[in-house]
């Protein structure tokens, strides 16, 4: 109903910043010091791209193109889903609005379309 074919296309490196706070007493009466440190977790997560798009489909008319990397689907980062779940979104039900954040040539774009039945 979307006109999209999505494929798994390797992995992306995702950096997650972790904050840690530590309260401790100080020698000055009534004073408290707060130590803040940062650590980073790194993850290799799946990358999904548009491999085919049907002409005149809802996704085609919204401006999505082959090779676009999908970053988020309806506001959720796409690496939280597997390929089967992503395809399920695109086949769910007619009238459902889909919002994608995509990356094309290192530019972030947002596209919306509504699923329509294929005739």
PDB file of N, CA and C in Angstrom:
ATOM      1  N   UNK A   1       0.809  -1.207   0.000  1.00  0.00           N
ATOM      2  CA  UNK A   1       0.000   0.000   0.000  1.00  0.00           C
ATOM      3  C   UNK A   1       0.848   1.265   0.000  1.00  0.00           C
ATOM      4  N   UNK A   2       2.135   1.125   0.286  1.00  0.00           N
ATOM      5  CA  UNK A   2       3.017   2.291   0.275  1.00  0.00           C
ATOM      6  C   UNK A   2       3.754   2.429  -1.048  1.00  0.00           C
ATOM      7  N   UNK A   3       3.995   1.305  -1.724  1.00  0.00           N
ATOM      8  CA  UNK A   3       4.782   1.309  -2.945  1.00  0.00           C
ATOM      9  C   UNK A   3       6.269   1.161  -2.706  1.00  0.00           C
ATOM     10  N   UNK A   4       6.658   0.939  -1.464  1.00  0.00           N
ATOM     11  CA  UNK A   4       8.082   0.843  -1.105  1.00  0.00           C
ATOM     12  C   UNK A   4       8.538  -0.597  -0.956  1.00  0.00           C
ATOM     13  N   UNK A   5       9.779  -0.843  -1.349  1.00  0.00           N
ATOM     14  CA  UNK A   5      10.482  -2.070  -0.992  1.00  0.00           C
ATOM     15  C   UNK A   5      11.709  -1.629  -0.203  1.00  0.00           C
ATOM     16  N   UNK A   6      11.835  -2.166   0.994  1.00  0.00           N
ATOM     17  CA  UNK A   6      12.912  -1.783   1.901  1.00  0.00           C
ATOM     18  C   UNK A   6      13.874  -2.963   2.034  1.00  0.00           C
ATOM     19  N   UNK A   7      15.168  -2.649   2.146  1.00  0.00           N
ATOM     20  CA  UNK A   7      16.140  -3.715   2.377  1.00  0.00           C
ATOM     21  C   UNK A   7      17.076  -3.330   3.516  1.00  0.00           C
ATOM     22  N   UNK A   8      17.609  -4.356   4.148  1.00  0.00           N
ATOM     23  CA  UNK A   8      18.643  -4.179   5.159  1.00  0.00           C
ATOM     24  C   UNK A   8      19.938  -3.917   4.399  1.00  0.00           C
ATOM     25  N   UNK A   9      20.660  -2.853   4.747  1.00  0.00           N
ATOM     26  CA  UNK A   9      21.844  -2.461   3.992  1.00  0.00           C
ATOM     27  C   UNK A   9      23.020  -2.211   4.927  1.00  0.00           C
ATOM     28  N   UNK A  10      23.397  -3.237   5.673  1.00  0.00           N
ATOM     29  CA  UNK A  10      24.546  -3.108   6.562  1.00  0.00           C
ATOM     30  C   UNK A  10      24.165  -2.554   7.920  1.00  0.00           C
ATOM     31  N   UNK A  11      25.124  -1.896   8.544  1.00  0.00           N
ATOM     32  CA  UNK A  11      24.928  -1.362   9.889  1.00  0.00           C
ATOM     33  C   UNK A  11      25.411   0.084   9.958  1.00  0.00           C
ATOM     34  N   UNK A  12      24.932   0.788  10.978  1.00  0.00           N
ATOM     35  CA  UNK A  12      25.397   2.143  11.271  1.00  0.00           C
ATOM     36  C   UNK A  12      25.910   2.166  12.706  1.00  0.00           C
ATOM     37  N   UNK A  13      26.895   3.002  12.949  1.00  0.00           N
ATOM     38  CA  UNK A  13      27.451   3.172  14.290  1.00  0.00           C
ATOM     39  C   UNK A  13      26.647   4.259  14.990  1.00  0.00           C
ATOM     40  N   UNK A  14      26.063   3.916  16.137  1.00  0.00           N
ATOM     41  CA  UNK A  14      25.264   4.865  16.912  1.00  0.00           C
ATOM     42  C   UNK A  14      25.963   5.105  18.241  1.00  0.00           C
ATOM     43  N   UNK A  15      26.129   6.395  18.584  1.00  0.00           N
ATOM     44  CA  UNK A  15      26.779   6.782  19.835  1.00  0.00           C
ATOM     45  C   UNK A  15      25.712   7.275  20.804  1.00  0.00           C
ATOM     46  N   UNK A  16      25.707   6.722  22.012  1.00  0.00           N
ATOM     47  CA  UNK A  16      24.750   7.109  23.037  1.00  0.00           C
ATOM     48  C   UNK A  16      25.515   7.694  24.221  1.00  0.00           C
ATOM     49  N   UNK A  17      25.209   8.944  24.570  1.00  0.00           N
ATOM     50  CA  UNK A  17      25.884   9.613  25.678  1.00  0.00           C
ATOM     51  C   UNK A  17      25.200   9.234  26.985  1.00  0.00           C
ATOM     52  N   UNK A  18      25.981   8.805  27.966  1.00  0.00           N
ATOM     53  CA  UNK A  18      25.480   8.421  29.281  1.00  0.00           C
ATOM     54  C   UNK A  18      26.020   9.409  30.307  1.00  0.00           C
ATOM     55  N   UNK A  19      25.121  10.027  31.055  1.00  0.00           N
ATOM     56  CA  UNK A  19      25.517  10.975  32.093  1.00  0.00           C
ATOM     57  C   UNK A  19      25.583  10.249  33.426  1.00  0.00           C
ATOM     58  N   UNK A  20      26.524  10.659  34.262  1.00  0.00           N
ATOM     59  CA  UNK A  20      26.527  10.134  35.618  1.00  0.00           C
ATOM     60  C   UNK A  20      26.786  11.293  36.567  1.00  0.00           C
ATOM     61  N   UNK A  21      25.970  11.367  37.592  1.00  0.00           N
ATOM     62  CA  UNK A  21      26.061  12.438  38.576  1.00  0.00           C
ATOM     63  C   UNK A  21      26.438  11.837  39.923  1.00  0.00           C
ATOM     64  N   UNK A  22      27.270  12.558  40.671  1.00  0.00           N
ATOM     65  CA  UNK A  22      27.678  12.081  41.986  1.00  0.00           C
ATOM     66  C   UNK A  22      27.687  13.274  42.937  1.00  0.00           C
ATOM     67  N   UNK A  23      26.862  13.193  43.964  1.00  0.00           N
ATOM     68  CA  UNK A  23      26.861  14.233  44.998  1.00  0.00           C
ATOM     69  C   UNK A  23      27.870  13.848  46.069  1.00  0.00           C
ATOM     70  N   UNK A  24      28.587  14.834  46.586  1.00  0.00           N
ATOM     71  CA  UNK A  24      29.513  14.551  47.683  1.00  0.00           C
ATOM     72  C   UNK A  24      29.597  15.777  48.582  1.00  0.00           C
ATOM     73  N   UNK A  25      29.935  15.538  49.809  1.00  0.00           N
ATOM     74  CA  UNK A  25      30.087  16.643  50.756  1.00  0.00           C
ATOM     75  C   UNK A  25      31.391  17.361  50.482  1.00  0.00           C
ATOM     76  N   UNK A  26      31.420  18.619  50.897  1.00  0.00           N
ATOM     77  CA  UNK A  26      32.619  19.427  50.720  1.00  0.00           C
ATOM     78  C   UNK A  26      33.067  19.909  52.088  1.00  0.00           C
ATOM     79  N   UNK A  27      34.299  20.373  52.184  1.00  0.00           N
ATOM     80  CA  UNK A  27      34.813  20.846  53.463  1.00  0.00           C
ATOM     81  C   UNK A  27      34.168  22.157  53.890  1.00  0.00           C
ATOM     82  N   UNK A  28      33.612  22.900  52.956  1.00  0.00           N
ATOM     83  CA  UNK A  28      32.969  24.167  53.285  1.00  0.00           C
ATOM     84  C   UNK A  28      31.602  23.851  53.871  1.00  0.00           C
ATOM     85  N   UNK A  29      31.291  24.435  55.010  1.00  0.00           N
ATOM     86  CA  UNK A  29      30.056  24.113  55.717  1.00  0.00           C
ATOM     87  C   UNK A  29      28.825  24.395  54.849  1.00  0.00           C
ATOM     88  N   UNK A  30      27.969  23.399  54.708  1.00  0.00           N
ATOM     89  CA  UNK A  30      26.718  23.540  53.979  1.00  0.00           C
ATOM     90  C   UNK A  30      26.848  23.432  52.466  1.00  0.00           C
ATOM     91  N   UNK A  31      28.054  23.273  51.976  1.00  0.00           N
ATOM     92  CA  UNK A  31      28.244  23.214  50.520  1.00  0.00           C
ATOM     93  C   UNK A  31      28.202  21.763  50.040  1.00  0.00           C
ATOM     94  N   UNK A  32      27.715  21.600  48.851  1.00  0.00           N
ATOM     95  CA  UNK A  32      27.687  20.278  48.210  1.00  0.00           C
ATOM     96  C   UNK A  32      28.285  20.422  46.827  1.00  0.00           C
ATOM     97  N   UNK A  33      29.127  19.480  46.486  1.00  0.00           N
ATOM     98  CA  UNK A  33      29.679  19.509  45.128  1.00  0.00           C
ATOM     99  C   UNK A  33      29.004  18.422  44.312  1.00  0.00           C
ATOM    100  N   UNK A  34      28.869  18.672  43.057  1.00  0.00           N
ATOM    101  CA  UNK A  34      28.275  17.711  42.134  1.00  0.00           C
ATOM    102  C   UNK A  34      29.291  17.425  41.047  1.00  0.00           C
ATOM    103  N   UNK A  35      29.669  16.171  40.939  1.00  0.00           N
ATOM    104  CA  UNK A  35      30.593  15.757  39.889  1.00  0.00           C
ATOM    105  C   UNK A  35      29.790  15.178  38.741  1.00  0.00           C
ATOM    106  N   UNK A  36      30.041  15.673  37.547  1.00  0.00           N
ATOM    107  CA  UNK A  36      29.352  15.183  36.358  1.00  0.00           C
ATOM    108  C   UNK A  36      30.400  14.587  35.425  1.00  0.00           C
ATOM    109  N   UNK A  37      30.134  13.364  35.003  1.00  0.00           N
ATOM    110  CA  UNK A  37      31.041  12.751  34.038  1.00  0.00           C
ATOM    111  C   UNK A  37      30.206  12.147  32.910  1.00  0.00           C
ATOM    112  N   UNK A  38      30.823  12.014  31.780  1.00  0.00           N
ATOM    113  CA  UNK A  38      30.143  11.486  30.611  1.00  0.00           C
ATOM    114  C   UNK A  38      30.882  10.259  30.098  1.00  0.00           C
ATOM    115  N   UNK A  39      30.117   9.267  29.740  1.00  0.00           N
ATOM    116  CA  UNK A  39      30.669   8.119  29.042  1.00  0.00           C
ATOM    117  C   UNK A  39      29.809   7.895  27.809  1.00  0.00           C
ATOM    118  N   UNK A  40      30.330   7.141  26.890  1.00  0.00           N
ATOM    119  CA  UNK A  40      29.610   6.891  25.647  1.00  0.00           C
ATOM    120  C   UNK A  40      29.523   5.391  25.397  1.00  0.00           C
ATOM    121  N   UNK A  41      28.343   4.964  24.999  1.00  0.00           N
ATOM    122  CA  UNK A  41      28.155   3.589  24.538  1.00  0.00           C
ATOM    123  C   UNK A  41      28.048   3.644  23.019  1.00  0.00           C
ATOM    124  N   UNK A  42      28.653   2.684  22.349  1.00  0.00           N
ATOM    125  CA  UNK A  42      28.600   2.611  20.894  1.00  0.00           C
ATOM    126  C   UNK A  42      27.922   1.302  20.494  1.00  0.00           C
ATOM    127  N   UNK A  43      27.039   1.396  19.510  1.00  0.00           N
ATOM    128  CA  UNK A  43      26.298   0.237  19.043  1.00  0.00           C
ATOM    129  C   UNK A  43      26.363   0.164  17.525  1.00  0.00           C
ATOM    130  N   UNK A  44      26.435  -1.034  16.984  1.00  0.00           N
ATOM    131  CA  UNK A  44      26.255  -1.252  15.552  1.00  0.00           C
ATOM    132  C   UNK A  44      24.817  -1.700  15.365  1.00  0.00           C
ATOM    133  N   UNK A  45      24.029  -0.899  14.663  1.00  0.00           N
ATOM    134  CA  UNK A  45      22.606  -1.167  14.498  1.00  0.00           C
ATOM    135  C   UNK A  45      22.253  -1.246  13.020  1.00  0.00           C
ATOM    136  N   UNK A  46      21.154  -1.937  12.686  1.00  0.00           N
ATOM    137  CA  UNK A  46      20.815  -2.139  11.272  1.00  0.00           C
ATOM    138  C   UNK A  46      20.492  -0.839  10.544  1.00  0.00           C
ATOM    139  N   UNK A  47      20.855  -0.826   9.278  1.00  0.00           N
ATOM    140  CA  UNK A  47      20.572   0.304   8.390  1.00  0.00           C
ATOM    141  C   UNK A  47      19.576  -0.186   7.339  1.00  0.00           C
ATOM    142  N   UNK A  48      18.519   0.593   7.111  1.00  0.00           N
ATOM    143  CA  UNK A  48      17.479   0.223   6.144  1.00  0.00           C
ATOM    144  C   UNK A  48      17.384   1.296   5.063  1.00  0.00           C
ATOM    145  N   UNK A  49      17.330   0.862   3.818  1.00  0.00           N
ATOM    146  CA  UNK A  49      17.231   1.793   2.695  1.00  0.00           C
ATOM    147  C   UNK A  49      16.102   1.364   1.756  1.00  0.00           C
ATOM    148  N   UNK A  50      15.637   2.329   0.973  1.00  0.00           N
ATOM    149  CA  UNK A  50      14.626   2.068  -0.043  1.00  0.00           C
ATOM    150  C   UNK A  50      15.331   1.424  -1.228  1.00  0.00           C
ATOM    151  N   UNK A  51      14.930   0.188  -1.575  1.00  0.00           N
ATOM    152  CA  UNK A  51      15.567  -0.498  -2.699  1.00  0.00           C
ATOM    153  C   UNK A  51      14.744  -0.376  -3.977  1.00  0.00           C
ATOM    154  N   UNK A  52      13.427  -0.235  -3.845  1.00  0.00           N
ATOM    155  CA  UNK A  52      12.554  -0.038  -5.007  1.00  0.00           C
ATOM    156  C   UNK A  52      11.377   0.825  -4.587  1.00  0.00           C
ATOM    157  N   UNK A  53      10.833   1.536  -5.570  1.00  0.00           N
ATOM    158  CA  UNK A  53       9.633   2.336  -5.319  1.00  0.00           C
ATOM    159  C   UNK A  53       8.740   2.273  -6.553  1.00  0.00           C
ATOM    160  N   UNK A  54       7.476   1.993  -6.325  1.00  0.00           N
ATOM    161  CA  UNK A  54       6.529   1.883  -7.429  1.00  0.00           C
ATOM    162  C   UNK A  54       6.081   3.282  -7.854  1.00  0.00           C
ATOM    163  N   UNK A  55       6.168   3.556  -9.158  1.00  0.00           N
ATOM    164  CA  UNK A  55       5.760   4.865  -9.676  1.00  0.00           C
ATOM    165  C   UNK A  55       4.286   5.117  -9.373  1.00  0.00           C
ATOM    166  N   UNK A  56       3.999   6.368  -9.072  1.00  0.00           N
ATOM    167  CA  UNK A  56       2.659   6.855  -8.765  1.00  0.00           C
ATOM    168  C   UNK A  56       2.089   6.287  -7.463  1.00  0.00           C
ATOM    169  N   UNK A  57       2.910   5.633  -6.652  1.00  0.00           N
ATOM    170  CA  UNK A  57       2.470   5.146  -5.343  1.00  0.00           C
ATOM    171  C   UNK A  57       2.480   6.312  -4.351  1.00  0.00           C
ATOM    172  N   UNK A  58       1.838   6.153  -3.180  1.00  0.00           N
ATOM    173  CA  UNK A  58       1.837   7.239  -2.188  1.00  0.00           C
ATOM    174  C   UNK A  58       3.244   7.683  -1.783  1.00  0.00           C
ATOM    175  N   UNK A  59       4.161   6.738  -1.600  1.00  0.00           N
ATOM    176  CA  UNK A  59       5.524   7.117  -1.196  1.00  0.00           C
ATOM    177  C   UNK A  59       6.263   7.830  -2.330  1.00  0.00           C
ATOM    178  N   UNK A  60       6.044   7.390  -3.557  1.00  0.00           N
ATOM    179  CA  UNK A  60       6.651   8.036  -4.730  1.00  0.00           C
ATOM    180  C   UNK A  60       6.163   9.487  -4.836  1.00  0.00           C
ATOM    181  N   UNK A  61       4.866   9.683  -4.675  1.00  0.00           N
ATOM    182  CA  UNK A  61       4.288  11.028  -4.781  1.00  0.00           C
ATOM    183  C   UNK A  61       4.740  11.947  -3.642  1.00  0.00           C
ATOM    184  N   UNK A  62       5.168  11.361  -2.516  1.00  0.00           N
ATOM    185  CA  UNK A  62       5.656  12.186  -1.401  1.00  0.00           C
ATOM    186  C   UNK A  62       7.113  12.597  -1.587  1.00  0.00           C
ATOM    187  N   UNK A  63       7.792  12.026  -2.606  1.00  0.00           N
ATOM    188  CA  UNK A  63       9.159  12.435  -2.896  1.00  0.00           C
ATOM    189  C   UNK A  63      10.233  11.478  -2.424  1.00  0.00           C
ATOM    190  N   UNK A  64       9.864  10.314  -1.946  1.00  0.00           N
ATOM    191  CA  UNK A  64      10.861   9.320  -1.531  1.00  0.00           C
ATOM    192  C   UNK A  64      11.490   8.716  -2.782  1.00  0.00           C
ATOM    193  N   UNK A  65      12.798   8.430  -2.707  1.00  0.00           N
ATOM    194  CA  UNK A  65      13.522   7.899  -3.864  1.00  0.00           C
ATOM    195  C   UNK A  65      14.317   6.657  -3.479  1.00  0.00           C
ATOM    196  N   UNK A  66      14.652   5.847  -4.477  1.00  0.00           N
ATOM    197  CA  UNK A  66      15.515   4.694  -4.258  1.00  0.00           C
ATOM    198  C   UNK A  66      16.834   5.168  -3.670  1.00  0.00           C
ATOM    199  N   UNK A  67      17.346   4.409  -2.709  1.00  0.00           N
ATOM    200  CA  UNK A  67      18.606   4.766  -2.066  1.00  0.00           C
ATOM    201  C   UNK A  67      18.450   5.608  -0.818  1.00  0.00           C
ATOM    202  N   UNK A  68      17.246   6.145  -0.550  1.00  0.00           N
ATOM    203  CA  UNK A  68      17.034   6.915   0.667  1.00  0.00           C
ATOM    204  C   UNK A  68      17.208   6.011   1.884  1.00  0.00           C
ATOM    205  N   UNK A  69      17.953   6.482   2.869  1.00  0.00           N
ATOM    206  CA  UNK A  69      18.117   5.738   4.121  1.00  0.00           C
ATOM    207  C   UNK A  69      16.996   6.148   5.067  1.00  0.00           C
ATOM    208  N   UNK A  70      16.294   5.185   5.613  1.00  0.00           N
ATOM    209  CA  UNK A  70      15.205   5.479   6.548  1.00  0.00           C
ATOM    210  C   UNK A  70      15.793   5.594   7.947  1.00  0.00           C
ATOM    211  N   UNK A  71      15.574   6.745   8.587  1.00  0.00           N
ATOM    212  CA  UNK A  71      16.091   6.990   9.928  1.00  0.00           C
ATOM    213  C   UNK A  71      15.036   6.760  11.001  1.00  0.00           C
ATOM    214  N   UNK A  72      13.797   7.204  10.729  1.00  0.00           N
ATOM    215  CA  UNK A  72      12.727   6.976  11.696  1.00  0.00           C
ATOM    216  C   UNK A  72      11.413   6.723  10.976  1.00  0.00           C
ATOM    217  N   UNK A  73      10.537   6.023  11.676  1.00  0.00           N
ATOM    218  CA  UNK A  73       9.232   5.636  11.148  1.00  0.00           C
ATOM    219  C   UNK A  73       8.191   6.021  12.193  1.00  0.00           C
ATOM    220  N   UNK A  74       7.324   6.957  11.829  1.00  0.00           N
ATOM    221  CA  UNK A  74       6.303   7.478  12.753  1.00  0.00           C
ATOM    222  C   UNK A  74       6.901   7.902  14.091  1.00  0.00           C
ATOM    223  N   UNK A  75       8.054   8.581  14.020  1.00  0.00           N
ATOM    224  CA  UNK A  75       8.682   9.160  15.202  1.00  0.00           C
ATOM    225  C   UNK A  75       9.593   8.238  15.997  1.00  0.00           C
ATOM    226  N   UNK A  76       9.699   6.971  15.614  1.00  0.00           N
ATOM    227  CA  UNK A  76      10.562   6.020  16.318  1.00  0.00           C
ATOM    228  C   UNK A  76      11.757   5.680  15.448  1.00  0.00           C
ATOM    229  N   UNK A  77      12.943   5.729  16.045  1.00  0.00           N
ATOM    230  CA  UNK A  77      14.150   5.395  15.273  1.00  0.00           C
ATOM    231  C   UNK A  77      13.995   4.004  14.691  1.00  0.00           C
ATOM    232  N   UNK A  78      14.331   3.885  13.418  1.00  0.00           N
ATOM    233  CA  UNK A  78      14.035   2.671  12.673  1.00  0.00           C
ATOM    234  C   UNK A  78      14.828   1.463  13.169  1.00  0.00           C
ATOM    235  N   UNK A  79      15.980   1.676  13.819  1.00  0.00           N
ATOM    236  CA  UNK A  79      16.751   0.526  14.273  1.00  0.00           C
ATOM    237  C   UNK A  79      16.100  -0.195  15.454  1.00  0.00           C
ATOM    238  N   UNK A  80      14.999   0.355  15.978  1.00  0.00           N
ATOM    239  CA  UNK A  80      14.234  -0.349  17.010  1.00  0.00           C
ATOM    240  C   UNK A  80      13.363  -1.453  16.409  1.00  0.00           C
ATOM    241  N   UNK A  81      13.262  -1.486  15.084  1.00  0.00           N
ATOM    242  CA  UNK A  81      12.432  -2.473  14.387  1.00  0.00           C
ATOM    243  C   UNK A  81      13.303  -3.421  13.577  1.00  0.00           C
ATOM    244  N   UNK A  82      12.759  -4.607  13.311  1.00  0.00           N
ATOM    245  CA  UNK A  82      13.404  -5.475  12.336  1.00  0.00           C
ATOM    246  C   UNK A  82      12.723  -5.265  10.983  1.00  0.00           C
ATOM    247  N   UNK A  83      13.267  -5.848   9.944  1.00  0.00           N
ATOM    248  CA  UNK A  83      12.749  -5.622   8.592  1.00  0.00           C
ATOM    249  C   UNK A  83      11.293  -6.064   8.457  1.00  0.00           C
ATOM    250  N   UNK A  84      10.942  -7.163   9.090  1.00  0.00           N
ATOM    251  CA  UNK A  84       9.563  -7.668   9.035  1.00  0.00           C
ATOM    252  C   UNK A  84       8.589  -6.657   9.653  1.00  0.00           C
ATOM    253  N   UNK A  85       8.961  -6.059  10.779  1.00  0.00           N
ATOM    254  CA  UNK A  85       8.102  -5.068  11.437  1.00  0.00           C
ATOM    255  C   UNK A  85       7.954  -3.808  10.581  1.00  0.00           C
ATOM    256  N   UNK A  86       9.032  -3.378   9.941  1.00  0.00           N
ATOM    257  CA  UNK A  86       8.966  -2.200   9.072  1.00  0.00           C
ATOM    258  C   UNK A  86       8.008  -2.457   7.913  1.00  0.00           C
ATOM    259  N   UNK A  87       8.162  -3.613   7.269  1.00  0.00           N
ATOM    260  CA  UNK A  87       7.252  -3.949   6.172  1.00  0.00           C
ATOM    261  C   UNK A  87       5.808  -4.033   6.658  1.00  0.00           C
ATOM    262  N   UNK A  88       5.606  -4.471   7.880  1.00  0.00           N
ATOM    263  CA  UNK A  88       4.264  -4.524   8.449  1.00  0.00           C
ATOM    264  C   UNK A  88       3.609  -3.152   8.528  1.00  0.00           C
ATOM    265  N   UNK A  89       4.398  -2.114   8.842  1.00  0.00           N
ATOM    266  CA  UNK A  89       3.867  -0.752   8.863  1.00  0.00           C
ATOM    267  C   UNK A  89       3.330  -0.370   7.481  1.00  0.00           C
ATOM    268  N   UNK A  90       4.080  -0.733   6.447  1.00  0.00           N
ATOM    269  CA  UNK A  90       3.724  -0.323   5.097  1.00  0.00           C
ATOM    270  C   UNK A  90       2.582  -1.138   4.507  1.00  0.00           C
ATOM    271  N   UNK A  91       2.193  -2.204   5.181  1.00  0.00           N
ATOM    272  CA  UNK A  91       1.096  -3.049   4.706  1.00  0.00           C
ATOM    273  C   UNK A  91      -0.089  -3.049   5.658  1.00  0.00           C
ATOM    274  N   UNK A  92      -0.062  -2.215   6.696  1.00  0.00           N
ATOM    275  CA  UNK A  92      -1.031  -2.316   7.783  1.00  0.00           C
ATOM    276  C   UNK A  92      -2.486  -2.102   7.359  1.00  0.00           C
ATOM    277  N   UNK A  93      -2.890  -0.870   7.044  1.00  0.00           N
ATOM    278  CA  UNK A  93      -4.282  -0.650   6.650  1.00  0.00           C
ATOM    279  C   UNK A  93      -4.404   0.642   5.845  1.00  0.00           C
ATOM    280  N   UNK A  94      -5.335   0.626   4.926  1.00  0.00           N
ATOM    281  CA  UNK A  94      -5.575   1.806   4.085  1.00  0.00           C
ATOM    282  C   UNK A  94      -5.999   2.978   4.961  1.00  0.00           C
ATOM    283  N   UNK A  95      -5.504   4.162   4.612  1.00  0.00           N
ATOM    284  CA  UNK A  95      -5.847   5.370   5.344  1.00  0.00           C
ATOM    285  C   UNK A  95      -4.866   5.723   6.445  1.00  0.00           C
ATOM    286  N   UNK A  96      -3.957   4.820   6.786  1.00  0.00           N
ATOM    287  CA  UNK A  96      -2.982   5.091   7.846  1.00  0.00           C
ATOM    288  C   UNK A  96      -1.919   6.054   7.326  1.00  0.00           C
ATOM    289  N   UNK A  97      -1.610   7.069   8.139  1.00  0.00           N
ATOM    290  CA  UNK A  97      -0.572   8.030   7.762  1.00  0.00           C
ATOM    291  C   UNK A  97       0.789   7.508   8.211  1.00  0.00           C
ATOM    292  N   UNK A  98       1.756   7.587   7.330  1.00  0.00           N
ATOM    293  CA  UNK A  98       3.134   7.177   7.607  1.00  0.00           C
ATOM    294  C   UNK A  98       4.017   8.415   7.513  1.00  0.00           C
ATOM    295  N   UNK A  99       4.841   8.608   8.530  1.00  0.00           N
ATOM    296  CA  UNK A  99       5.812   9.703   8.537  1.00  0.00           C
ATOM    297  C   UNK A  99       7.201   9.095   8.588  1.00  0.00           C
ATOM    298  N   UNK A 100       8.036   9.468   7.635  1.00  0.00           N
ATOM    299  CA  UNK A 100       9.408   8.968   7.583  1.00  0.00           C
ATOM    300  C   UNK A 100      10.392  10.120   7.697  1.00  0.00           C
ATOM    301  N   UNK A 101      11.461   9.878   8.447  1.00  0.00           N
ATOM    302  CA  UNK A 101      12.618  10.766   8.408  1.00  0.00           C
ATOM    303  C   UNK A 101      13.649   9.984   7.620  1.00  0.00           C
ATOM    304  N   UNK A 102      14.152  10.590   6.551  1.00  0.00           N
ATOM    305  CA  UNK A 102      15.090   9.907   5.671  1.00  0.00           C
ATOM    306  C   UNK A 102      16.364  10.734   5.518  1.00  0.00           C
ATOM    307  N   UNK A 103      17.421  10.056   5.076  1.00  0.00           N
ATOM    308  CA  UNK A 103      18.674  10.752   4.767  1.00  0.00           C
ATOM    309  C   UNK A 103      18.987  10.495   3.307  1.00  0.00           C
ATOM    310  N   UNK A 104      19.212  11.587   2.576  1.00  0.00           N
ATOM    311  CA  UNK A 104      19.571  11.520   1.157  1.00  0.00           C
ATOM    312  C   UNK A 104      20.735  12.474   0.931  1.00  0.00           C
ATOM    313  N   UNK A 105      21.851  11.933   0.477  1.00  0.00           N
ATOM    314  CA  UNK A 105      23.051  12.750   0.229  1.00  0.00           C
ATOM    315  C   UNK A 105      23.429  13.584   1.455  1.00  0.00           C
ATOM    316  N   UNK A 106      23.386  12.959   2.632  1.00  0.00           N
ATOM    317  CA  UNK A 106      23.715  13.592   3.910  1.00  0.00           C
ATOM    318  C   UNK A 106      22.793  14.740   4.294  1.00  0.00           C
ATOM    319  N   UNK A 107      21.609  14.799   3.705  1.00  0.00           N
ATOM    320  CA  UNK A 107      20.594  15.786   4.071  1.00  0.00           C
ATOM    321  C   UNK A 107      19.422  15.031   4.688  1.00  0.00           C
ATOM    322  N   UNK A 108      18.938  15.514   5.836  1.00  0.00           N
ATOM    323  CA  UNK A 108      17.814  14.893   6.523  1.00  0.00           C
ATOM    324  C   UNK A 108      16.515  15.513   5.998  1.00  0.00           C
ATOM    325  N   UNK A 109      15.592  14.641   5.590  1.00  0.00           N
ATOM    326  CA  UNK A 109      14.307  15.076   5.045  1.00  0.00           C
ATOM    327  C   UNK A 109      13.176  14.364   5.777  1.00  0.00           C
ATOM    328  N   UNK A 110      12.006  14.982   5.801  1.00  0.00           N
ATOM    329  CA  UNK A 110      10.806  14.360   6.361  1.00  0.00           C
ATOM    330  C   UNK A 110       9.772  14.221   5.246  1.00  0.00           C
ATOM    331  N   UNK A 111       9.147  13.057   5.206  1.00  0.00           N
ATOM    332  CA  UNK A 111       8.130  12.787   4.191  1.00  0.00           C
ATOM    333  C   UNK A 111       6.929  12.124   4.847  1.00  0.00           C
ATOM    334  N   UNK A 112       5.726  12.495   4.391  1.00  0.00           N
ATOM    335  CA  UNK A 112       4.480  11.898   4.875  1.00  0.00           C
ATOM    336  C   UNK A 112       3.682  11.396   3.694  1.00  0.00           C
ATOM    337  N   UNK A 113       2.984  10.284   3.905  1.00  0.00           N
ATOM    338  CA  UNK A 113       2.048   9.785   2.906  1.00  0.00           C
ATOM    339  C   UNK A 113       1.002   8.935   3.616  1.00  0.00           C
ATOM    340  N   UNK A 114      -0.075   8.665   2.910  1.00  0.00           N
ATOM    341  CA  UNK A 114      -1.169   7.856   3.458  1.00  0.00           C
ATOM    342  C   UNK A 114      -1.251   6.562   2.647  1.00  0.00           C
ATOM    343  N   UNK A 115      -1.332   5.444   3.356  1.00  0.00           N
ATOM    344  CA  UNK A 115      -1.420   4.144   2.705  1.00  0.00           C
ATOM    345  C   UNK A 115      -2.728   4.040   1.924  1.00  0.00           C
ATOM    346  N   UNK A 116      -2.624   3.566   0.690  1.00  0.00           N
ATOM    347  CA  UNK A 116      -3.804   3.362  -0.151  1.00  0.00           C
ATOM    348  C   UNK A 116      -3.770   1.967  -0.745  1.00  0.00           C
ATOM    349  N   UNK A 117      -4.926   1.354  -0.928  1.00  0.00           N
ATOM    350  CA  UNK A 117      -4.933  -0.010  -1.486  1.00  0.00           C
ATOM    351  C   UNK A 117      -4.433  -0.020  -2.922  1.00  0.00           C
ATOM    352  N   UNK A 118      -3.803  -1.124  -3.300  1.00  0.00           N
ATOM    353  CA  UNK A 118      -3.307  -1.317  -4.658  1.00  0.00           C
ATOM    354  C   UNK A 118      -4.420  -1.925  -5.487  1.00  0.00           C
ATOM    355  N   UNK A 119      -4.672  -1.350  -6.638  1.00  0.00           N
ATOM    356  CA  UNK A 119      -5.714  -1.875  -7.523  1.00  0.00           C
ATOM    357  C   UNK A 119      -5.096  -2.477  -8.762  1.00  0.00           C
TER     358      UNK A 119
END
